[in-house]
C-alpha cells in the first residue's frame, strides 16, 4: 500500500512536470516570435524551459522584452515550486521513509522456535529481557517505534518492526512455533493482539494491564493470564503484617517459567533506606530487577536510577525465587 502511494506520487509529479514544460515551451515560442522576432525550434524551447526551471540558466538564450522577462521570472518560480514544494514531499521524502522502513527487520529467522513473543517494548520488558537472556530462553520483540527497534538491533536482540495486531506481523514472528505471547501495550490493543494470536496458534497468552478492572475484558478476549503490576501493590498491607513471620515469599505472582513478581515493603532496619536506586546495587547483590516503586502515595512504574527509597516505600521486583529471597533479606535488614 505504501509503495502504491509512492508510485502514484511519482506519476502525479512527472505528469505536472511534463505539462509545465510543454506549456512553458509553447509560451516561449510564441513570445520569442512575437516580441523578440526570433524563430527558435521546439528542442531549443524545451532546453530553455528546463535550464530556467532548474535555475541553471546558462544565459545564451534570453528575453530582452519586458513581457519575456516577466515570463522568465514565472518559469523560475514554477521550477522552484516543483523542486522544493513538490519533489521533496511527494517523491524524495516518501522514498527515504520507505528505504528506512525496509532497513528495519520485518521477519525473524525461520529456525526460531519455542520462543516467547513480547509485544511492546518498555522498561518492564527490559527487565524481562535481562532475565530471559540470563536463562537462555529464546524470545523476540515486536514494536512499532523505530527508535526502540534500532536500540534492540544495536544490542542484537531479535525484533520485528510492526503492529502486533497485524496477522502478518505475528506470522513473521513465527507465532506458529512460539510457546508464549506477552501483550504489553494498551488494554484495547492487548485485546486485539490476543484475539489475532488466538486464531493463529494455541499458545499461552499473557496480558499486562494498567488496572485489574480490565482483567475480565482481556480474559474474555482469550488471555490465559492477566497481570497488573500496579494491582500487585494492592495486597501489600496484608503481606506486611505476615511477612516478618514467614520465611517464604508470600504473595508472589508467577510471571512465567521460574520468574515471579513480588512487592517488598521496606522495613525500618533495611540498609536500603535513604539510598537512591542506582546506589543500592540491588541487581548486582541479588540478581532481582526493580520494576516499580511506591513512594509518597504515588506509584512509579519503571523508576529512575535517582529515585529515593524511604521507610514507607514498597519495591516491585522481578526475579527467580532465589533472587527474590535475597532481596527480601535486604528489605527486612536481616
C-alpha atoms as a PDB file:
ATOM      1  CA  UNK A   1       0.000   0.000   0.000  1.00  0.00           C
ATOM      2  CA  UNK A   2       2.797   2.401   0.916  1.00  0.00           C
ATOM      3  CA  UNK A   3       4.662   1.595  -2.299  1.00  0.00           C
ATOM      4  CA  UNK A   4       1.462   2.191  -4.281  1.00  0.00           C
ATOM      5  CA  UNK A   5       1.179   5.662  -2.747  1.00  0.00           C
ATOM      6  CA  UNK A   6       4.788   6.418  -3.730  1.00  0.00           C
ATOM      7  CA  UNK A   7       4.153   5.274  -7.302  1.00  0.00           C
ATOM      8  CA  UNK A   8       1.051   7.463  -7.528  1.00  0.00           C
ATOM      9  CA  UNK A   9       3.040  10.427  -6.184  1.00  0.00           C
ATOM     10  CA  UNK A  10       5.769   9.911  -8.771  1.00  0.00           C
ATOM     11  CA  UNK A  11       3.229   9.638 -11.594  1.00  0.00           C
ATOM     12  CA  UNK A  12       1.469  12.794 -10.383  1.00  0.00           C
ATOM     13  CA  UNK A  13       4.759  14.694 -10.116  1.00  0.00           C
ATOM     14  CA  UNK A  14       6.016  13.624 -13.559  1.00  0.00           C
ATOM     15  CA  UNK A  15       2.667  14.481 -15.116  1.00  0.00           C
ATOM     16  CA  UNK A  16       2.734  18.001 -13.647  1.00  0.00           C
ATOM     17  CA  UNK A  17       6.373  18.486 -14.686  1.00  0.00           C
ATOM     18  CA  UNK A  18       5.725  17.371 -18.287  1.00  0.00           C
ATOM     19  CA  UNK A  19       2.630  19.568 -18.511  1.00  0.00           C
ATOM     20  CA  UNK A  20       4.551  22.634 -17.292  1.00  0.00           C
ATOM     21  CA  UNK A  21       7.487  22.008 -19.651  1.00  0.00           C
ATOM     22  CA  UNK A  22       5.155  21.707 -22.638  1.00  0.00           C
ATOM     23  CA  UNK A  23       3.111  24.764 -21.607  1.00  0.00           C
ATOM     24  CA  UNK A  24       6.184  26.909 -20.934  1.00  0.00           C
ATOM     25  CA  UNK A  25       7.784  25.789 -24.214  1.00  0.00           C
ATOM     26  CA  UNK A  26       4.744  26.833 -26.239  1.00  0.00           C
ATOM     27  CA  UNK A  27       4.602  30.213 -24.494  1.00  0.00           C
ATOM     28  CA  UNK A  28       8.370  30.610 -25.050  1.00  0.00           C
ATOM     29  CA  UNK A  29       7.994  30.039 -28.820  1.00  0.00           C
ATOM     30  CA  UNK A  30       5.094  32.492 -29.006  1.00  0.00           C
ATOM     31  CA  UNK A  31       6.829  35.255 -27.060  1.00  0.00           C
ATOM     32  CA  UNK A  32      10.115  34.818 -28.948  1.00  0.00           C
ATOM     33  CA  UNK A  33       8.347  35.017 -32.291  1.00  0.00           C
ATOM     34  CA  UNK A  34       6.055  37.914 -31.303  1.00  0.00           C
ATOM     35  CA  UNK A  35       8.290  40.119 -29.140  1.00  0.00           C
ATOM     36  CA  UNK A  36      11.852  39.085 -29.973  1.00  0.00           C
ATOM     37  CA  UNK A  37      11.457  38.349 -33.718  1.00  0.00           C
ATOM     38  CA  UNK A  38      13.245  35.020 -33.276  1.00  0.00           C
ATOM     39  CA  UNK A  39      12.066  31.668 -34.572  1.00  0.00           C
ATOM     40  CA  UNK A  40      13.524  29.026 -32.265  1.00  0.00           C
ATOM     41  CA  UNK A  41      12.696  25.347 -32.663  1.00  0.00           C
ATOM     42  CA  UNK A  42      10.821  23.177 -30.152  1.00  0.00           C
ATOM     43  CA  UNK A  43      14.065  21.495 -28.959  1.00  0.00           C
ATOM     44  CA  UNK A  44      15.534  24.896 -28.099  1.00  0.00           C
ATOM     45  CA  UNK A  45      12.308  25.860 -26.324  1.00  0.00           C
ATOM     46  CA  UNK A  46      12.344  22.707 -24.181  1.00  0.00           C
ATOM     47  CA  UNK A  47      16.059  23.247 -23.457  1.00  0.00           C
ATOM     48  CA  UNK A  48      15.453  26.858 -22.333  1.00  0.00           C
ATOM     49  CA  UNK A  49      12.492  25.868 -20.134  1.00  0.00           C
ATOM     50  CA  UNK A  50      14.413  23.080 -18.365  1.00  0.00           C
ATOM     51  CA  UNK A  51      17.554  25.147 -17.649  1.00  0.00           C
ATOM     52  CA  UNK A  52      15.374  28.040 -16.464  1.00  0.00           C
ATOM     53  CA  UNK A  53      13.099  25.900 -14.235  1.00  0.00           C
ATOM     54  CA  UNK A  54      16.132  24.242 -12.655  1.00  0.00           C
ATOM     55  CA  UNK A  55      17.699  27.720 -12.235  1.00  0.00           C
ATOM     56  CA  UNK A  56      20.772  26.553 -14.155  1.00  0.00           C
ATOM     57  CA  UNK A  57      20.308  29.416 -16.622  1.00  0.00           C
ATOM     58  CA  UNK A  58      23.294  29.195 -18.946  1.00  0.00           C
ATOM     59  CA  UNK A  59      22.292  32.586 -20.421  1.00  0.00           C
ATOM     60  CA  UNK A  60      22.867  32.041 -24.169  1.00  0.00           C
ATOM     61  CA  UNK A  61      19.115  32.348 -24.803  1.00  0.00           C
ATOM     62  CA  UNK A  62      17.218  35.133 -23.077  1.00  0.00           C
ATOM     63  CA  UNK A  63      14.445  37.683 -23.425  1.00  0.00           C
ATOM     64  CA  UNK A  64      15.027  41.397 -23.806  1.00  0.00           C
ATOM     65  CA  UNK A  65      11.375  42.423 -23.784  1.00  0.00           C
ATOM     66  CA  UNK A  66       9.575  43.194 -20.526  1.00  0.00           C
ATOM     67  CA  UNK A  67       6.882  40.555 -21.041  1.00  0.00           C
ATOM     68  CA  UNK A  68       9.545  37.991 -21.865  1.00  0.00           C
ATOM     69  CA  UNK A  69      11.462  38.801 -18.701  1.00  0.00           C
ATOM     70  CA  UNK A  70       8.288  38.538 -16.638  1.00  0.00           C
ATOM     71  CA  UNK A  71       7.670  35.153 -18.242  1.00  0.00           C
ATOM     72  CA  UNK A  72      11.224  34.098 -17.296  1.00  0.00           C
ATOM     73  CA  UNK A  73      10.559  35.019 -13.676  1.00  0.00           C
ATOM     74  CA  UNK A  74       7.336  32.982 -13.729  1.00  0.00           C
ATOM     75  CA  UNK A  75       9.191  29.947 -15.146  1.00  0.00           C
ATOM     76  CA  UNK A  76      11.904  30.211 -12.468  1.00  0.00           C
ATOM     77  CA  UNK A  77       9.302  30.418  -9.686  1.00  0.00           C
ATOM     78  CA  UNK A  78       7.406  27.426 -11.069  1.00  0.00           C
ATOM     79  CA  UNK A  79      10.683  25.479 -11.165  1.00  0.00           C
ATOM     80  CA  UNK A  80      11.478  26.323  -7.545  1.00  0.00           C
ATOM     81  CA  UNK A  81       7.979  25.217  -6.523  1.00  0.00           C
ATOM     82  CA  UNK A  82       8.340  21.980  -8.495  1.00  0.00           C
ATOM     83  CA  UNK A  83      11.649  21.129  -6.847  1.00  0.00           C
ATOM     84  CA  UNK A  84      11.226  22.282  -3.245  1.00  0.00           C
ATOM     85  CA  UNK A  85       7.462  22.272  -2.704  1.00  0.00           C
ATOM     86  CA  UNK A  86       6.526  19.163  -4.712  1.00  0.00           C
ATOM     87  CA  UNK A  87       9.568  16.987  -5.450  1.00  0.00           C
ATOM     88  CA  UNK A  88      10.674  16.552  -1.822  1.00  0.00           C
ATOM     89  CA  UNK A  89       7.296  15.971  -0.123  1.00  0.00           C
ATOM     90  CA  UNK A  90       5.806  13.909  -2.962  1.00  0.00           C
ATOM     91  CA  UNK A  91       8.785  11.838  -4.076  1.00  0.00           C
ATOM     92  CA  UNK A  92      12.029  12.206  -2.119  1.00  0.00           C
ATOM     93  CA  UNK A  93      10.687  12.117   1.466  1.00  0.00           C
ATOM     94  CA  UNK A  94       8.321   9.134   0.936  1.00  0.00           C
ATOM     95  CA  UNK A  95      11.117   7.265  -0.858  1.00  0.00           C
ATOM     96  CA  UNK A  96      13.536   7.899   2.025  1.00  0.00           C
ATOM     97  CA  UNK A  97      10.924   6.804   4.573  1.00  0.00           C
ATOM     98  CA  UNK A  98      10.309   3.627   2.607  1.00  0.00           C
ATOM     99  CA  UNK A  99      14.060   2.949   2.431  1.00  0.00           C
ATOM    100  CA  UNK A 100      14.348   3.357   6.217  1.00  0.00           C
ATOM    101  CA  UNK A 101      11.411   1.024   6.786  1.00  0.00           C
ATOM    102  CA  UNK A 102      12.972  -1.575   4.509  1.00  0.00           C
ATOM    103  CA  UNK A 103      16.111  -1.468   6.646  1.00  0.00           C
ATOM    104  CA  UNK A 104      14.107  -2.331   9.782  1.00  0.00           C
ATOM    105  CA  UNK A 105      13.571  -6.052  10.441  1.00  0.00           C
ATOM    106  CA  UNK A 106      10.231  -7.395   9.291  1.00  0.00           C
ATOM    107  CA  UNK A 107      10.820 -11.098   9.934  1.00  0.00           C
ATOM    108  CA  UNK A 108      12.681 -13.362  12.347  1.00  0.00           C
ATOM    109  CA  UNK A 109      14.779 -16.382  11.257  1.00  0.00           C
ATOM    110  CA  UNK A 110      12.729 -19.399  10.214  1.00  0.00           C
ATOM    111  CA  UNK A 111      14.513 -21.644  12.708  1.00  0.00           C
ATOM    112  CA  UNK A 112      13.344 -19.617  15.737  1.00  0.00           C
ATOM    113  CA  UNK A 113      11.094 -21.998  17.695  1.00  0.00           C
ATOM    114  CA  UNK A 114       9.706 -22.472  21.207  1.00  0.00           C
ATOM    115  CA  UNK A 115      10.267 -18.796  21.822  1.00  0.00           C
ATOM    116  CA  UNK A 116       8.425 -16.022  23.660  1.00  0.00           C
ATOM    117  CA  UNK A 117       6.900 -13.177  21.655  1.00  0.00           C
ATOM    118  CA  UNK A 118       6.876  -9.859  23.507  1.00  0.00           C
ATOM    119  CA  UNK A 119       4.523  -7.286  22.002  1.00  0.00           C
ATOM    120  CA  UNK A 120       5.600  -3.796  23.058  1.00  0.00           C
ATOM    121  CA  UNK A 121       8.925  -2.623  24.476  1.00  0.00           C
ATOM    122  CA  UNK A 122       9.367  -0.612  27.697  1.00  0.00           C
ATOM    123  CA  UNK A 123      11.396  -0.722  30.915  1.00  0.00           C
ATOM    124  CA  UNK A 124       9.374  -3.601  32.338  1.00  0.00           C
ATOM    125  CA  UNK A 125      10.216  -5.576  29.207  1.00  0.00           C
ATOM    126  CA  UNK A 126      13.850  -4.544  29.587  1.00  0.00           C
ATOM    127  CA  UNK A 127      13.884  -6.292  32.947  1.00  0.00           C
ATOM    128  CA  UNK A 128      12.234  -9.323  31.410  1.00  0.00           C
ATOM    129  CA  UNK A 129      14.787  -9.372  28.604  1.00  0.00           C
ATOM    130  CA  UNK A 130      17.626  -9.446  31.124  1.00  0.00           C
ATOM    131  CA  UNK A 131      16.100 -12.491  32.797  1.00  0.00           C
ATOM    132  CA  UNK A 132      15.402 -14.288  29.527  1.00  0.00           C
ATOM    133  CA  UNK A 133      18.943 -13.737  28.328  1.00  0.00           C
ATOM    134  CA  UNK A 134      20.369 -14.954  31.626  1.00  0.00           C
ATOM    135  CA  UNK A 135      18.408 -18.205  31.414  1.00  0.00           C
ATOM    136  CA  UNK A 136      18.943 -18.518  27.653  1.00  0.00           C
ATOM    137  CA  UNK A 137      15.211 -18.574  26.882  1.00  0.00           C
ATOM    138  CA  UNK A 138      14.622 -17.651  23.216  1.00  0.00           C
ATOM    139  CA  UNK A 139      12.487 -14.566  22.658  1.00  0.00           C
ATOM    140  CA  UNK A 140      11.790 -11.728  20.244  1.00  0.00           C
ATOM    141  CA  UNK A 141      10.166  -8.293  20.485  1.00  0.00           C
ATOM    142  CA  UNK A 142       7.536  -6.647  18.285  1.00  0.00           C
ATOM    143  CA  UNK A 143       7.352  -2.865  18.404  1.00  0.00           C
ATOM    144  CA  UNK A 144       6.064  -0.041  16.185  1.00  0.00           C
ATOM    145  CA  UNK A 145       8.549   2.545  17.442  1.00  0.00           C
ATOM    146  CA  UNK A 146      11.550   2.852  15.099  1.00  0.00           C
ATOM    147  CA  UNK A 147      13.763   4.207  17.889  1.00  0.00           C
ATOM    148  CA  UNK A 148      13.033   1.186  20.076  1.00  0.00           C
ATOM    149  CA  UNK A 149      13.679  -1.204  17.195  1.00  0.00           C
ATOM    150  CA  UNK A 150      17.000   0.437  16.354  1.00  0.00           C
ATOM    151  CA  UNK A 151      18.016   0.180  20.009  1.00  0.00           C
ATOM    152  CA  UNK A 152      17.159  -3.524  20.046  1.00  0.00           C
ATOM    153  CA  UNK A 153      19.042  -4.079  16.780  1.00  0.00           C
ATOM    154  CA  UNK A 154      22.151  -2.419  18.213  1.00  0.00           C
ATOM    155  CA  UNK A 155      22.027  -4.927  21.077  1.00  0.00           C
ATOM    156  CA  UNK A 156      21.497  -7.831  18.658  1.00  0.00           C
ATOM    157  CA  UNK A 157      18.072  -8.646  20.094  1.00  0.00           C
ATOM    158  CA  UNK A 158      15.688 -10.337  17.681  1.00  0.00           C
ATOM    159  CA  UNK A 159      12.854  -7.991  16.827  1.00  0.00           C
ATOM    160  CA  UNK A 160      10.253  -7.124  14.219  1.00  0.00           C
ATOM    161  CA  UNK A 161       9.097  -3.630  13.356  1.00  0.00           C
ATOM    162  CA  UNK A 162       5.337  -3.536  13.001  1.00  0.00           C
ATOM    163  CA  UNK A 163       1.900  -3.586  14.588  1.00  0.00           C
ATOM    164  CA  UNK A 164       1.405  -6.685  16.740  1.00  0.00           C
ATOM    165  CA  UNK A 165      -2.321  -6.670  15.943  1.00  0.00           C
ATOM    166  CA  UNK A 166      -1.432  -7.373  12.302  1.00  0.00           C
ATOM    167  CA  UNK A 167      -1.711 -11.073  11.445  1.00  0.00           C
ATOM    168  CA  UNK A 168       1.248 -10.881   9.033  1.00  0.00           C
ATOM    169  CA  UNK A 169       3.490  -9.337  11.699  1.00  0.00           C
ATOM    170  CA  UNK A 170       2.692 -12.188  14.086  1.00  0.00           C
ATOM    171  CA  UNK A 171       3.258 -14.782  11.356  1.00  0.00           C
ATOM    172  CA  UNK A 172       6.607 -13.150  10.559  1.00  0.00           C
ATOM    173  CA  UNK A 173       7.410 -13.514  14.263  1.00  0.00           C
ATOM    174  CA  UNK A 174       6.987 -17.301  13.935  1.00  0.00           C
ATOM    175  CA  UNK A 175       3.919 -17.397  16.155  1.00  0.00           C
ATOM    176  CA  UNK A 176       3.078 -20.824  14.747  1.00  0.00           C
ATOM    177  CA  UNK A 177       6.114 -22.275  16.554  1.00  0.00           C
ATOM    178  CA  UNK A 178       6.137 -19.980  19.629  1.00  0.00           C
ATOM    179  CA  UNK A 179       5.245 -21.166  23.123  1.00  0.00           C
ATOM    180  CA  UNK A 180       4.100 -17.900  24.691  1.00  0.00           C
ATOM    181  CA  UNK A 181       2.985 -14.392  23.782  1.00  0.00           C
ATOM    182  CA  UNK A 182       3.086 -11.422  26.159  1.00  0.00           C
ATOM    183  CA  UNK A 183       0.883  -8.454  25.209  1.00  0.00           C
ATOM    184  CA  UNK A 184       2.381  -5.309  26.731  1.00  0.00           C
ATOM    185  CA  UNK A 185       0.554  -2.393  25.141  1.00  0.00           C
ATOM    186  CA  UNK A 186      -2.670  -0.509  25.858  1.00  0.00           C
ATOM    187  CA  UNK A 187      -5.535  -2.612  27.191  1.00  0.00           C
ATOM    188  CA  UNK A 188      -7.529  -2.147  23.976  1.00  0.00           C
ATOM    189  CA  UNK A 189      -4.589  -3.075  21.779  1.00  0.00           C
ATOM    190  CA  UNK A 190      -3.721  -6.022  24.004  1.00  0.00           C
ATOM    191  CA  UNK A 191      -7.208  -7.390  23.401  1.00  0.00           C
ATOM    192  CA  UNK A 192      -6.738  -7.100  19.614  1.00  0.00           C
ATOM    193  CA  UNK A 193      -3.326  -8.769  19.838  1.00  0.00           C
ATOM    194  CA  UNK A 194      -4.727 -11.663  21.859  1.00  0.00           C
ATOM    195  CA  UNK A 195      -7.696 -12.149  19.526  1.00  0.00           C
ATOM    196  CA  UNK A 196      -5.400 -12.237  16.494  1.00  0.00           C
ATOM    197  CA  UNK A 197      -2.833 -14.522  18.140  1.00  0.00           C
ATOM    198  CA  UNK A 198      -5.511 -16.929  19.314  1.00  0.00           C
ATOM    199  CA  UNK A 199      -6.592 -17.534  15.733  1.00  0.00           C
ATOM    200  CA  UNK A 200      -3.024 -18.294  14.613  1.00  0.00           C
ATOM    201  CA  UNK A 201      -1.774 -20.651  17.332  1.00  0.00           C
ATOM    202  CA  UNK A 202      -2.873 -22.168  20.620  1.00  0.00           C
ATOM    203  CA  UNK A 203      -0.135 -20.803  22.856  1.00  0.00           C
ATOM    204  CA  UNK A 204      -0.126 -19.311  26.321  1.00  0.00           C
ATOM    205  CA  UNK A 205      -1.280 -15.699  26.161  1.00  0.00           C
ATOM    206  CA  UNK A 206      -0.348 -13.227  28.896  1.00  0.00           C
ATOM    207  CA  UNK A 207      -1.622  -9.656  29.055  1.00  0.00           C
ATOM    208  CA  UNK A 208      -0.069  -6.874  31.135  1.00  0.00           C
ATOM    209  CA  UNK A 209      -2.717  -4.320  32.087  1.00  0.00           C
ATOM    210  CA  UNK A 210      -2.791  -0.908  33.732  1.00  0.00           C
ATOM    211  CA  UNK A 211      -5.572  -1.830  36.147  1.00  0.00           C
ATOM    212  CA  UNK A 212      -7.106  -5.116  37.175  1.00  0.00           C
ATOM    213  CA  UNK A 213     -10.558  -3.780  36.239  1.00  0.00           C
ATOM    214  CA  UNK A 214      -9.804  -4.724  32.626  1.00  0.00           C
ATOM    215  CA  UNK A 215      -8.772  -8.267  33.528  1.00  0.00           C
ATOM    216  CA  UNK A 216     -12.183  -9.742  32.705  1.00  0.00           C
ATOM    217  CA  UNK A 217     -12.229  -7.931  29.381  1.00  0.00           C
ATOM    218  CA  UNK A 218      -8.866  -9.387  28.392  1.00  0.00           C
ATOM    219  CA  UNK A 219      -9.671 -12.864  29.681  1.00  0.00           C
ATOM    220  CA  UNK A 220     -12.825 -12.779  27.599  1.00  0.00           C
ATOM    221  CA  UNK A 221     -10.648 -11.910  24.595  1.00  0.00           C
ATOM    222  CA  UNK A 222      -8.663 -15.078  25.270  1.00  0.00           C
ATOM    223  CA  UNK A 223      -5.826 -14.219  27.670  1.00  0.00           C
ATOM    224  CA  UNK A 224      -4.724 -17.157  29.805  1.00  0.00           C
ATOM    225  CA  UNK A 225      -3.311 -14.845  32.460  1.00  0.00           C
ATOM    226  CA  UNK A 226      -3.720 -11.137  33.147  1.00  0.00           C
ATOM    227  CA  UNK A 227      -1.077  -9.394  35.252  1.00  0.00           C
ATOM    228  CA  UNK A 228      -1.389  -5.866  36.599  1.00  0.00           C
ATOM    229  CA  UNK A 229       1.900  -4.601  38.085  1.00  0.00           C
ATOM    230  CA  UNK A 230       0.050  -1.786  39.819  1.00  0.00           C
ATOM    231  CA  UNK A 231      -2.509  -4.116  41.370  1.00  0.00           C
ATOM    232  CA  UNK A 232       0.248  -6.256  42.826  1.00  0.00           C
ATOM    233  CA  UNK A 233       0.704  -3.481  45.361  1.00  0.00           C
ATOM    234  CA  UNK A 234      -2.889  -3.807  46.486  1.00  0.00           C
ATOM    235  CA  UNK A 235      -2.163  -6.676  48.874  1.00  0.00           C
ATOM    236  CA  UNK A 236       0.961  -5.232  50.430  1.00  0.00           C
ATOM    237  CA  UNK A 237      -0.785  -4.226  53.708  1.00  0.00           C
ATOM    238  CA  UNK A 238      -1.764  -7.793  54.487  1.00  0.00           C
ATOM    239  CA  UNK A 239       1.614  -9.071  53.428  1.00  0.00           C
ATOM    240  CA  UNK A 240       3.377  -6.505  55.571  1.00  0.00           C
ATOM    241  CA  UNK A 241       1.589  -7.956  58.591  1.00  0.00           C
ATOM    242  CA  UNK A 242       2.531 -11.581  57.926  1.00  0.00           C
ATOM    243  CA  UNK A 243       5.779 -11.107  56.032  1.00  0.00           C
ATOM    244  CA  UNK A 244       8.072 -10.876  59.105  1.00  0.00           C
ATOM    245  CA  UNK A 245       6.605 -14.152  60.379  1.00  0.00           C
ATOM    246  CA  UNK A 246       7.331 -16.167  57.235  1.00  0.00           C
ATOM    247  CA  UNK A 247      10.470 -17.431  55.600  1.00  0.00           C
ATOM    248  CA  UNK A 248       8.958 -17.972  52.180  1.00  0.00           C
ATOM    249  CA  UNK A 249       7.830 -15.495  49.529  1.00  0.00           C
ATOM    250  CA  UNK A 250       4.238 -14.662  50.378  1.00  0.00           C
ATOM    251  CA  UNK A 251       2.015 -13.291  47.649  1.00  0.00           C
ATOM    252  CA  UNK A 252       4.407 -13.988  44.773  1.00  0.00           C
ATOM    253  CA  UNK A 253       2.804 -13.882  41.330  1.00  0.00           C
ATOM    254  CA  UNK A 254       4.430 -16.269  38.924  1.00  0.00           C
ATOM    255  CA  UNK A 255       5.223 -14.476  35.699  1.00  0.00           C
ATOM    256  CA  UNK A 256       6.394 -17.466  33.638  1.00  0.00           C
ATOM    257  CA  UNK A 257       8.858 -20.301  33.907  1.00  0.00           C
ATOM    258  CA  UNK A 258      10.888 -19.625  37.083  1.00  0.00           C
ATOM    259  CA  UNK A 259      10.237 -15.880  37.281  1.00  0.00           C
ATOM    260  CA  UNK A 260       7.861 -14.190  39.700  1.00  0.00           C
ATOM    261  CA  UNK A 261       6.772 -10.649  40.540  1.00  0.00           C
ATOM    262  CA  UNK A 262       6.720  -9.726  44.220  1.00  0.00           C
ATOM    263  CA  UNK A 263       6.238  -6.484  46.138  1.00  0.00           C
ATOM    264  CA  UNK A 264       8.553  -5.859  49.093  1.00  0.00           C
ATOM    265  CA  UNK A 265       7.741  -3.345  51.850  1.00  0.00           C
ATOM    266  CA  UNK A 266      10.805  -1.581  53.247  1.00  0.00           C
ATOM    267  CA  UNK A 267      11.334  -2.222  56.962  1.00  0.00           C
ATOM    268  CA  UNK A 268      12.996   0.153  59.481  1.00  0.00           C
ATOM    269  CA  UNK A 269      16.225  -1.891  59.702  1.00  0.00           C
ATOM    270  CA  UNK A 270      16.715  -2.126  55.944  1.00  0.00           C
ATOM    271  CA  UNK A 271      20.073  -0.771  54.702  1.00  0.00           C
ATOM    272  CA  UNK A 272      18.240   0.440  51.584  1.00  0.00           C
ATOM    273  CA  UNK A 273      16.513   3.305  53.392  1.00  0.00           C
ATOM    274  CA  UNK A 274      17.771   6.723  52.303  1.00  0.00           C
ATOM    275  CA  UNK A 275      19.575   5.403  49.235  1.00  0.00           C
ATOM    276  CA  UNK A 276      18.916   6.052  45.578  1.00  0.00           C
ATOM    277  CA  UNK A 277      18.119   3.030  43.443  1.00  0.00           C
ATOM    278  CA  UNK A 278      21.378   3.219  41.494  1.00  0.00           C
ATOM    279  CA  UNK A 279      23.338   3.300  44.794  1.00  0.00           C
ATOM    280  CA  UNK A 280      21.687   0.186  46.237  1.00  0.00           C
ATOM    281  CA  UNK A 281      23.236  -2.196  43.661  1.00  0.00           C
ATOM    282  CA  UNK A 282      20.205  -4.450  44.103  1.00  0.00           C
ATOM    283  CA  UNK A 283      20.700  -6.079  40.727  1.00  0.00           C
ATOM    284  CA  UNK A 284      24.374  -6.827  41.460  1.00  0.00           C
ATOM    285  CA  UNK A 285      23.708  -8.082  45.010  1.00  0.00           C
ATOM    286  CA  UNK A 286      20.589 -10.166  44.450  1.00  0.00           C
ATOM    287  CA  UNK A 287      20.058 -10.597  40.707  1.00  0.00           C
ATOM    288  CA  UNK A 288      16.477  -9.263  41.017  1.00  0.00           C
ATOM    289  CA  UNK A 289      15.235  -6.324  38.949  1.00  0.00           C
ATOM    290  CA  UNK A 290      13.212  -3.412  40.348  1.00  0.00           C
ATOM    291  CA  UNK A 291      10.347  -2.507  38.003  1.00  0.00           C
ATOM    292  CA  UNK A 292       8.202  -0.371  40.297  1.00  0.00           C
ATOM    293  CA  UNK A 293       8.437   1.841  43.388  1.00  0.00           C
ATOM    294  CA  UNK A 294       5.601   3.052  45.573  1.00  0.00           C
ATOM    295  CA  UNK A 295       6.681   6.180  47.424  1.00  0.00           C
ATOM    296  CA  UNK A 296       4.807   9.105  48.964  1.00  0.00           C
ATOM    297  CA  UNK A 297       1.448   7.694  47.967  1.00  0.00           C
ATOM    298  CA  UNK A 298       2.422   7.558  44.296  1.00  0.00           C
ATOM    299  CA  UNK A 299       3.314   4.540  42.189  1.00  0.00           C
ATOM    300  CA  UNK A 300       6.323   4.938  39.897  1.00  0.00           C
ATOM    301  CA  UNK A 301       6.485   2.317  37.199  1.00  0.00           C
ATOM    302  CA  UNK A 302       9.978   1.971  35.732  1.00  0.00           C
ATOM    303  CA  UNK A 303      11.526   4.174  38.486  1.00  0.00           C
ATOM    304  CA  UNK A 304      14.531   6.308  37.628  1.00  0.00           C
ATOM    305  CA  UNK A 305      18.020   5.469  38.979  1.00  0.00           C
ATOM    306  CA  UNK A 306      17.907   8.529  41.262  1.00  0.00           C
ATOM    307  CA  UNK A 307      14.568   7.513  42.853  1.00  0.00           C
ATOM    308  CA  UNK A 308      14.929   7.605  46.655  1.00  0.00           C
ATOM    309  CA  UNK A 309      13.974   4.617  48.808  1.00  0.00           C
ATOM    310  CA  UNK A 310      12.218   5.580  52.039  1.00  0.00           C
ATOM    311  CA  UNK A 311      10.966   3.600  55.017  1.00  0.00           C
ATOM    312  CA  UNK A 312       7.443   3.837  53.637  1.00  0.00           C
ATOM    313  CA  UNK A 313       8.488   2.706  50.163  1.00  0.00           C
ATOM    314  CA  UNK A 314       7.479  -0.553  48.538  1.00  0.00           C
ATOM    315  CA  UNK A 315       9.550  -2.197  45.827  1.00  0.00           C
ATOM    316  CA  UNK A 316       8.089  -4.213  42.964  1.00  0.00           C
ATOM    317  CA  UNK A 317      10.673  -6.748  41.795  1.00  0.00           C
ATOM    318  CA  UNK A 318      11.022  -9.470  39.177  1.00  0.00           C
ATOM    319  CA  UNK A 319      13.304 -12.460  39.573  1.00  0.00           C
ATOM    320  CA  UNK A 320      13.702 -16.106  40.474  1.00  0.00           C
ATOM    321  CA  UNK A 321      12.742 -17.395  43.908  1.00  0.00           C
ATOM    322  CA  UNK A 322      16.384 -17.375  44.998  1.00  0.00           C
ATOM    323  CA  UNK A 323      16.949 -13.818  43.763  1.00  0.00           C
ATOM    324  CA  UNK A 324      13.758 -12.549  45.397  1.00  0.00           C
ATOM    325  CA  UNK A 325      14.651 -14.252  48.685  1.00  0.00           C
ATOM    326  CA  UNK A 326      17.944 -12.340  48.662  1.00  0.00           C
ATOM    327  CA  UNK A 327      16.125  -9.080  48.029  1.00  0.00           C
ATOM    328  CA  UNK A 328      13.664  -9.862  50.799  1.00  0.00           C
ATOM    329  CA  UNK A 329      16.525 -10.092  53.280  1.00  0.00           C
ATOM    330  CA  UNK A 330      17.767  -6.664  52.138  1.00  0.00           C
ATOM    331  CA  UNK A 331      14.349  -5.064  52.561  1.00  0.00           C
ATOM    332  CA  UNK A 332      13.984  -6.557  56.034  1.00  0.00           C
ATOM    333  CA  UNK A 333      17.520  -5.715  57.154  1.00  0.00           C
ATOM    334  CA  UNK A 334      18.495  -9.266  58.141  1.00  0.00           C
END
